[in-house]
Amino acid sequence: MDLISKYDLIEKIVQTTDESILWQVKHILDEQDTESWEDLHPKLKESLKRGLKQADSGQVIPHKEVMARIKKKFLKK
């Protein structure tokens, strides 16, 4: 990752007010190996449960479509 991309990431982190995202970023940057479900932040657990429930009920989006959406959103030129 180049320096400009790092600064863009820092700017997005500073500007976000979504605590769930901030907790996830903190967890990743702390490089903690989560040993158990209990170690996860409650918001992350809630999100994971919701995602599993959606997957179990067939509410999924194919990987190719997700990647296309992400590229469209984040790789704007």
Protein backbone atom coordinates (compact mmCIF):
# COMPACT_ATOMS: atom_id res chain seq x y z
CA MET A 1 0.00 0.00 0.00
CA ASP A 2 1.43 3.34 -0.96
CA LEU A 3 1.67 6.37 1.33
CA ILE A 4 -1.30 8.18 -0.25
CA SER A 5 -3.54 5.14 0.28
CA LYS A 6 -2.45 5.00 3.92
CA TYR A 7 -3.32 8.65 4.43
CA ASP A 8 -6.70 8.10 2.74
CA LEU A 9 -7.35 5.21 5.14
CA ILE A 10 -6.34 7.32 8.13
CA GLU A 11 -8.68 10.08 6.97
CA LYS A 12 -11.60 7.65 6.66
CA ILE A 13 -10.92 6.29 10.13
CA VAL A 14 -10.82 9.78 11.63
CA GLN A 15 -14.03 10.82 9.87
CA THR A 16 -16.14 7.75 10.69
CA THR A 17 -18.62 7.90 13.53
CA ASP A 18 -19.57 4.22 13.25
CA GLU A 19 -18.27 2.69 16.46
CA SER A 20 -18.61 -0.81 15.09
CA ILE A 21 -16.14 -0.03 12.31
CA LEU A 22 -13.77 1.66 14.75
CA TRP A 23 -13.81 -1.37 17.09
CA GLN A 24 -13.12 -3.69 14.17
CA VAL A 25 -10.20 -1.57 12.96
CA LYS A 26 -8.81 -1.37 16.49
CA HIS A 27 -9.07 -5.12 16.86
CA ILE A 28 -7.24 -5.72 13.59
CA LEU A 29 -4.50 -3.20 14.37
CA ASP A 30 -3.97 -4.58 17.87
CA GLU A 31 -3.17 -7.90 16.16
CA GLN A 32 -5.05 -9.81 18.80
CA ASP A 33 -5.67 -13.46 18.10
CA THR A 34 -9.19 -13.90 19.32
CA GLU A 35 -9.30 -17.19 21.15
CA SER A 36 -13.02 -17.33 21.76
CA TRP A 37 -16.40 -15.92 20.84
CA GLU A 38 -16.54 -14.15 24.21
CA ASP A 39 -13.50 -12.03 23.28
CA LEU A 40 -15.31 -10.39 20.38
CA HIS A 41 -16.90 -6.95 20.70
CA PRO A 42 -20.70 -7.19 21.15
CA LYS A 43 -21.36 -5.21 17.95
CA LEU A 44 -19.15 -7.58 15.95
CA LYS A 45 -20.91 -10.62 17.45
CA GLU A 46 -24.28 -9.10 16.57
CA SER A 47 -23.14 -8.48 13.00
CA LEU A 48 -21.79 -12.01 12.62
CA LYS A 49 -25.00 -13.55 13.97
CA ARG A 50 -27.07 -11.46 11.55
CA GLY A 51 -24.86 -12.51 8.64
CA LEU A 52 -25.07 -16.19 9.53
CA LYS A 53 -28.84 -15.98 9.85
CA GLN A 54 -29.06 -14.32 6.42
CA ALA A 55 -26.82 -16.96 4.86
CA ASP A 56 -28.85 -19.77 6.42
CA SER A 57 -32.03 -18.30 4.93
CA GLY A 58 -30.47 -17.96 1.46
CA GLN A 59 -30.10 -14.18 1.56
CA VAL A 60 -26.67 -14.14 -0.04
CA ILE A 61 -24.96 -12.25 -2.85
CA PRO A 62 -22.53 -14.08 -5.16
CA HIS A 63 -18.86 -13.25 -4.58
CA LYS A 64 -18.41 -11.84 -8.10
CA GLU A 65 -21.27 -9.38 -7.56
CA VAL A 66 -19.89 -8.27 -4.19
CA MET A 67 -16.46 -7.69 -5.70
CA ALA A 68 -17.97 -5.71 -8.58
CA ARG A 69 -19.84 -3.49 -6.10
CA ILE A 70 -16.72 -2.93 -3.99
CA LYS A 71 -14.61 -2.06 -7.02
CA LYS A 72 -17.26 0.35 -8.28
CA LYS A 73 -17.52 2.05 -4.89
CA PHE A 74 -13.87 2.22 -3.86
CA LEU A 75 -11.92 2.30 -7.09
CA LYS A 76 -13.53 5.42 -8.52
CA LYS A 77 -11.10 7.31 -10.70
